[in-house]
Amino acid sequence: MPQMAPMNWLSMYLVFSTLFLLMMVISFFQLNYKNNPFKSNKQSIKPSWKW
């Protein structure tokens, strides 16, 4: 079975900490994204159910 190349604890720490910081930055920008490009009147979208 081929195994992964041996890495010391410092390089493992650096790899996982940069991965963690990258995920935190991505989630931060996803949560701050304002999903309101169209500010239209909501009354015109509401359907009328009078048959």
Protein backbone atom coordinates (compact mmCIF):
# COMPACT_ATOMS: atom_id res chain seq x y z
CA MET A 1 0.00 0.00 0.00
CA PRO A 2 1.49 3.37 -0.94
CA GLN A 3 1.40 5.77 1.95
CA MET A 4 1.50 9.52 2.24
CA ALA A 5 4.88 11.21 2.39
CA PRO A 6 5.94 11.79 6.01
CA MET A 7 5.21 15.30 7.24
CA ASN A 8 6.28 16.75 10.53
CA TRP A 9 3.85 18.39 12.95
CA LEU A 10 4.77 21.93 11.92
CA SER A 11 3.92 21.45 8.25
CA MET A 12 0.70 19.62 9.17
CA TYR A 13 -0.22 22.49 11.50
CA LEU A 14 0.46 25.05 8.79
CA VAL A 15 -1.56 23.16 6.18
CA PHE A 16 -4.59 22.67 8.41
CA SER A 17 -4.49 26.18 9.86
CA THR A 18 -4.38 27.75 6.40
CA LEU A 19 -7.23 25.48 5.30
CA PHE A 20 -9.24 26.47 8.37
CA LEU A 21 -8.60 30.18 7.84
CA LEU A 22 -9.57 29.88 4.18
CA MET A 23 -12.86 28.21 5.12
CA MET A 24 -13.57 30.88 7.73
CA VAL A 25 -12.97 33.68 5.22
CA ILE A 26 -15.20 32.01 2.63
CA SER A 27 -18.03 31.50 5.12
CA PHE A 28 -17.64 35.09 6.37
CA PHE A 29 -18.05 36.49 2.87
CA GLN A 30 -20.96 34.14 2.14
CA LEU A 31 -22.81 35.31 5.24
CA ASN A 32 -22.16 38.98 4.49
CA TYR A 33 -23.39 38.71 0.91
CA LYS A 34 -26.53 40.78 0.40
CA ASN A 35 -28.84 38.80 -1.87
CA ASN A 36 -31.03 41.78 -2.80
CA PRO A 37 -30.12 42.92 -6.30
CA PHE A 38 -33.73 43.71 -7.24
CA LYS A 39 -35.55 46.07 -4.90
CA SER A 40 -38.95 45.88 -6.48
CA ASN A 41 -42.44 46.32 -5.14
CA LYS A 42 -43.56 43.21 -3.29
CA GLN A 43 -47.24 44.08 -3.75
CA SER A 44 -47.06 43.49 -7.48
CA ILE A 45 -45.58 40.02 -7.01
CA LYS A 46 -48.20 38.87 -4.50
CA PRO A 47 -50.86 36.85 -6.38
CA SER A 48 -54.56 37.46 -6.02
CA TRP A 49 -56.53 34.29 -5.27
CA LYS A 50 -59.95 35.57 -6.34
CA TRP A 51 -61.24 33.04 -8.84
